[in-house]
């Protein structure tokens, strides 16, 4: 699996819809070429260390991610750590950017929102970000790491050149091949639907278990679907099922 697919799946696993994860990844390609250890080659601010990592964290935000890595005892260039920190920022100090990002209707809108609201780059090169988003959403081949980094996360936002929106093509088969196990944006499930589907699939097995073990069934009815050890079932057995001692 490519680094691009790893990041998209990692973001989806952390709670982002697939099309949003694609837009975020498009920005990371533009920022760092998906290189978690890359440092900005020519810092915009003279004398500064420049941007670092997937999002080219800069200034106070760079110090924050470095501090978090030290506290957790992980390398600052660890991929999972950088994805975790990205989500922590989105759900914490960058919550406003997160709320706007989650309102995006497709990968391009998500890419624009992530750039404008979360990264806030000095020179956004928005056309490149949207181009990456269109390619990813269309099932194109993953991009190779090629950029030397540009400062973004924590720098001042400017208005970039807007690229005309193009219709998103239906690429269900490409999604399935490139991101196995993920849900196509056109097939996104409503909240709770996955749990209902899982329960429906398990229904025959649950009926069989209940028929073979009525005491466990009564216990689950009283205390939810929590599976209880056999030795604890009798403790919560309904009075009507308890055997009286003589």
Protein backbone atom coordinates (compact mmCIF):
# COMPACT_ATOMS: atom_id res chain seq x y z
CA UNK A 1 0.00 0.00 0.00
CA UNK A 2 1.29 3.49 -0.84
CA UNK A 3 2.05 6.18 1.72
CA UNK A 4 -0.88 8.15 0.29
CA UNK A 5 -3.29 5.27 0.90
CA UNK A 6 -1.83 4.74 4.39
CA UNK A 7 -2.55 8.35 5.31
CA UNK A 8 -6.07 8.32 3.89
CA UNK A 9 -6.91 5.13 5.74
CA UNK A 10 -5.30 6.49 8.90
CA UNK A 11 -7.43 9.64 8.78
CA UNK A 12 -10.60 7.65 8.10
CA UNK A 13 -9.78 5.40 11.05
CA UNK A 14 -9.51 8.53 13.17
CA UNK A 15 -13.00 9.65 12.26
CA UNK A 16 -12.82 11.65 9.02
CA UNK A 17 -15.17 10.84 6.12
CA UNK A 18 -13.33 9.49 3.11
CA UNK A 19 -13.76 12.60 0.93
CA UNK A 20 -12.48 14.81 3.77
CA UNK A 21 -9.50 12.53 4.34
CA UNK A 22 -8.74 12.80 0.63
CA UNK A 23 -8.83 16.61 0.75
CA UNK A 24 -6.57 16.66 3.81
CA UNK A 25 -4.12 14.28 2.15
CA UNK A 26 -4.08 16.46 -0.97
CA UNK A 27 -2.86 19.33 1.20
CA UNK A 28 -0.21 17.17 2.84
CA UNK A 29 1.08 16.25 -0.62
CA UNK A 30 1.35 19.93 -1.50
CA UNK A 31 2.98 20.75 1.83
CA UNK A 32 5.51 17.98 2.34
CA UNK A 33 5.22 15.34 -0.36
CA UNK A 34 3.94 13.13 2.51
CA UNK A 35 7.41 13.12 4.10
CA UNK A 36 6.92 13.17 7.88
CA UNK A 37 10.54 14.18 8.53
CA UNK A 38 10.95 16.92 5.98
CA UNK A 39 11.97 20.43 7.01
CA UNK A 40 11.20 23.58 5.05
CA UNK A 41 14.14 24.24 2.75
CA UNK A 42 13.86 28.02 2.58
CA UNK A 43 12.04 29.35 5.66
CA UNK A 44 9.88 32.38 4.93
CA UNK A 45 10.77 33.92 8.29
CA UNK A 46 14.52 34.73 8.34
CA UNK A 47 16.34 32.92 11.11
CA UNK A 48 13.45 30.57 11.87
CA UNK A 49 13.56 26.79 11.63
CA UNK A 50 10.72 26.82 9.11
CA UNK A 51 7.96 24.27 8.72
CA UNK A 52 8.21 20.59 9.60
CA UNK A 53 6.40 17.36 8.80
CA UNK A 54 3.21 16.49 6.95
CA UNK A 55 1.52 19.82 7.64
CA UNK A 56 4.73 21.89 7.78
CA UNK A 57 4.00 22.90 11.36
CA UNK A 58 5.56 26.30 11.99
CA UNK A 59 6.32 28.52 14.98
CA UNK A 60 4.23 27.78 18.10
CA UNK A 61 2.51 24.87 16.41
CA UNK A 62 5.86 23.28 15.56
CA UNK A 63 6.97 23.67 19.16
CA UNK A 64 3.69 22.12 20.28
CA UNK A 65 4.08 18.98 18.17
CA UNK A 66 7.71 18.60 19.21
CA UNK A 67 6.73 18.93 22.86
CA UNK A 68 3.94 16.37 22.46
CA UNK A 69 6.36 13.89 20.87
CA UNK A 70 8.79 14.25 23.76
CA UNK A 71 6.05 13.77 26.33
CA UNK A 72 4.82 10.60 24.63
CA UNK A 73 8.28 9.23 23.96
CA UNK A 74 7.75 8.84 20.21
CA UNK A 75 9.78 10.17 17.27
CA UNK A 76 8.37 13.45 16.03
CA UNK A 77 8.48 12.12 12.46
CA UNK A 78 6.35 9.06 13.28
CA UNK A 79 3.42 8.86 10.84
CA UNK A 80 0.78 7.70 13.33
CA UNK A 81 1.85 10.35 15.81
CA UNK A 82 1.57 13.14 13.23
CA UNK A 83 -1.90 11.94 12.20
CA UNK A 84 -2.91 11.78 15.87
CA UNK A 85 -1.61 15.29 16.46
CA UNK A 86 -3.42 16.58 13.37
CA UNK A 87 -6.72 15.26 14.73
CA UNK A 88 -5.96 16.63 18.21
CA UNK A 89 -5.47 20.09 16.73
CA UNK A 90 -8.66 19.80 14.67
CA UNK A 91 -10.71 18.72 17.66
CA UNK A 92 -9.01 21.13 20.03
CA UNK A 93 -7.51 24.55 19.30
CA UNK A 94 -8.51 24.36 15.62
CA UNK A 95 -12.10 23.27 16.28
CA UNK A 96 -13.54 26.06 14.15
CA UNK A 97 -11.49 24.84 11.19
CA UNK A 98 -12.66 21.29 11.90
CA UNK A 99 -16.32 22.31 11.86
CA UNK A 100 -15.89 24.02 8.49
CA UNK A 101 -13.91 21.09 7.13
CA UNK A 102 -16.65 18.62 8.05
CA UNK A 103 -19.19 20.65 6.07
CA UNK A 104 -17.25 20.04 2.83
CA UNK A 105 -19.26 18.13 0.25
CA UNK A 106 -16.41 16.60 -1.73
CA UNK A 107 -12.63 16.21 -1.74
CA UNK A 108 -11.98 19.53 -3.48
CA UNK A 109 -14.09 21.49 -1.01
CA UNK A 110 -12.31 19.70 1.83
CA UNK A 111 -8.91 20.54 0.32
CA UNK A 112 -9.83 24.22 0.05
CA UNK A 113 -11.20 24.34 3.59
CA UNK A 114 -8.19 22.58 5.12
CA UNK A 115 -5.83 24.98 3.37
CA UNK A 116 -7.73 28.18 4.16
CA UNK A 117 -8.92 27.39 7.68
CA UNK A 118 -6.40 24.96 9.19
CA UNK A 119 -3.05 25.37 7.43
CA UNK A 120 -3.36 29.06 6.52
CA UNK A 121 -0.26 29.10 4.27
CA UNK A 122 1.42 32.35 3.30
CA UNK A 123 1.46 31.29 -0.36
CA UNK A 124 -1.28 28.69 -0.73
CA UNK A 125 -0.76 27.42 -4.30
CA UNK A 126 -4.39 26.37 -4.05
CA UNK A 127 -4.50 25.15 -7.63
CA UNK A 128 -2.03 22.38 -6.82
CA UNK A 129 -3.99 21.32 -3.74
CA UNK A 130 -7.22 21.08 -5.69
CA UNK A 131 -5.51 19.22 -8.50
CA UNK A 132 -4.25 16.60 -6.03
CA UNK A 133 -7.74 16.33 -4.53
CA UNK A 134 -9.31 15.71 -7.94
CA UNK A 135 -6.76 13.05 -8.77
CA UNK A 136 -7.20 11.24 -5.44
CA UNK A 137 -11.00 11.36 -5.58
CA UNK A 138 -10.89 10.11 -9.16
CA UNK A 139 -8.81 7.08 -8.23
CA UNK A 140 -5.61 8.29 -9.89
CA UNK A 141 -2.17 6.86 -9.15
CA UNK A 142 -0.63 8.02 -5.85
CA UNK A 143 1.72 10.98 -6.03
CA UNK A 144 5.42 10.51 -5.42
CA UNK A 145 7.11 12.47 -2.63
CA UNK A 146 8.87 15.34 -4.34
CA UNK A 147 8.50 18.59 -2.46
CA UNK A 148 10.93 20.24 -0.11
CA UNK A 149 8.25 21.66 2.14
CA UNK A 150 6.66 25.07 2.45
CA UNK A 151 5.62 26.74 5.68
CA UNK A 152 1.92 26.47 6.35
CA UNK A 153 0.53 25.34 9.70
CA UNK A 154 0.70 28.45 11.82
CA UNK A 155 1.52 30.98 9.08
CA UNK A 156 -0.68 33.81 7.82
CA UNK A 157 -3.38 33.03 5.24
CA UNK A 158 -3.59 34.72 1.84
CA UNK A 159 -6.09 34.33 -0.98
CA UNK A 160 -4.92 31.85 -3.63
CA UNK A 161 -5.90 31.49 -7.25
CA UNK A 162 -9.22 29.69 -7.53
CA UNK A 163 -9.49 26.73 -9.88
CA UNK A 164 -12.84 26.14 -11.62
CA UNK A 165 -14.72 23.26 -10.10
CA UNK A 166 -14.86 20.13 -12.24
CA UNK A 167 -17.49 17.39 -11.92
CA UNK A 168 -16.41 14.55 -9.66
CA UNK A 169 -16.39 11.27 -11.56
CA UNK A 170 -17.86 8.09 -10.18
CA UNK A 171 -14.91 5.88 -9.25
CA UNK A 172 -16.36 3.24 -6.95
CA UNK A 173 -14.21 0.45 -8.34
CA UNK A 174 -11.07 2.59 -8.14
CA UNK A 175 -11.85 3.40 -4.50
CA UNK A 176 -12.33 -0.26 -3.66
CA UNK A 177 -9.04 -1.19 -5.30
CA UNK A 178 -6.97 1.65 -3.86
CA UNK A 179 -8.53 1.89 -0.40
CA UNK A 180 -9.85 -1.58 0.52
CA UNK A 181 -12.39 -1.50 3.33
CA UNK A 182 -13.23 2.19 3.02
CA UNK A 183 -16.60 3.62 2.03
CA UNK A 184 -17.02 5.54 -1.22
CA UNK A 185 -18.42 9.07 -0.56
CA UNK A 186 -21.40 8.10 -2.71
CA UNK A 187 -22.02 5.17 -0.41
CA UNK A 188 -21.44 6.84 2.95
CA UNK A 189 -23.56 5.33 5.69
CA UNK A 190 -25.61 7.38 8.09
CA UNK A 191 -24.51 7.48 11.76
CA UNK A 192 -25.49 4.24 13.45
CA UNK A 193 -26.13 2.41 10.19
CA UNK A 194 -22.91 0.41 10.42
CA UNK A 195 -23.83 -0.75 13.92
CA UNK A 196 -27.33 -1.72 12.78
CA UNK A 197 -25.89 -3.65 9.83
CA UNK A 198 -23.50 -5.50 12.12
CA UNK A 199 -26.32 -6.41 14.51
CA UNK A 200 -28.47 -7.61 11.61
CA UNK A 201 -25.67 -9.84 10.34
CA UNK A 202 -25.19 -11.30 13.81
CA UNK A 203 -28.91 -11.90 14.41
CA UNK A 204 -28.98 -15.61 13.38
CA UNK A 205 -26.04 -16.38 15.66
CA UNK A 206 -27.62 -14.47 18.54
CA UNK A 207 -30.90 -16.37 18.12
CA UNK A 208 -29.03 -19.66 18.21
CA UNK A 209 -27.08 -18.68 21.32
CA UNK A 210 -30.28 -17.60 23.06
CA UNK A 211 -32.00 -20.90 22.27
CA UNK A 212 -29.09 -22.93 23.60
CA UNK A 213 -28.49 -20.80 26.69
CA UNK A 214 -31.72 -19.13 27.94
CA UNK A 215 -30.10 -18.05 31.19
CA UNK A 216 -27.43 -16.08 29.36
CA UNK A 217 -30.17 -14.59 27.16
CA UNK A 218 -32.11 -13.33 30.20
CA UNK A 219 -28.92 -11.92 31.66
CA UNK A 220 -28.17 -10.00 28.47
CA UNK A 221 -31.70 -8.64 28.35
CA UNK A 222 -31.37 -7.27 31.86
CA UNK A 223 -27.87 -5.91 31.50
CA UNK A 224 -27.57 -5.12 27.78
CA UNK A 225 -25.53 -7.09 25.29
CA UNK A 226 -22.59 -7.28 27.65
CA UNK A 227 -21.19 -10.80 27.64
CA UNK A 228 -21.01 -12.11 31.19
CA UNK A 229 -18.84 -14.98 32.43
CA UNK A 230 -20.89 -18.16 33.03
CA UNK A 231 -20.10 -18.15 36.75
CA UNK A 232 -21.76 -14.72 37.09
CA UNK A 233 -24.98 -15.56 35.25
CA UNK A 234 -26.60 -17.35 38.21
CA UNK A 235 -25.97 -14.34 40.42
CA UNK A 236 -28.30 -12.24 38.26
CA UNK A 237 -30.78 -15.03 37.39
CA UNK A 238 -34.42 -13.88 37.55
CA UNK A 239 -36.28 -15.18 40.57
CA UNK A 240 -38.67 -17.17 38.38
CA UNK A 241 -35.70 -19.14 37.05
CA UNK A 242 -33.95 -19.71 40.36
CA UNK A 243 -34.13 -23.21 41.79
CA UNK A 244 -35.45 -23.25 45.33
CA UNK A 245 -33.50 -25.19 47.87
CA UNK A 246 -35.32 -27.89 49.79
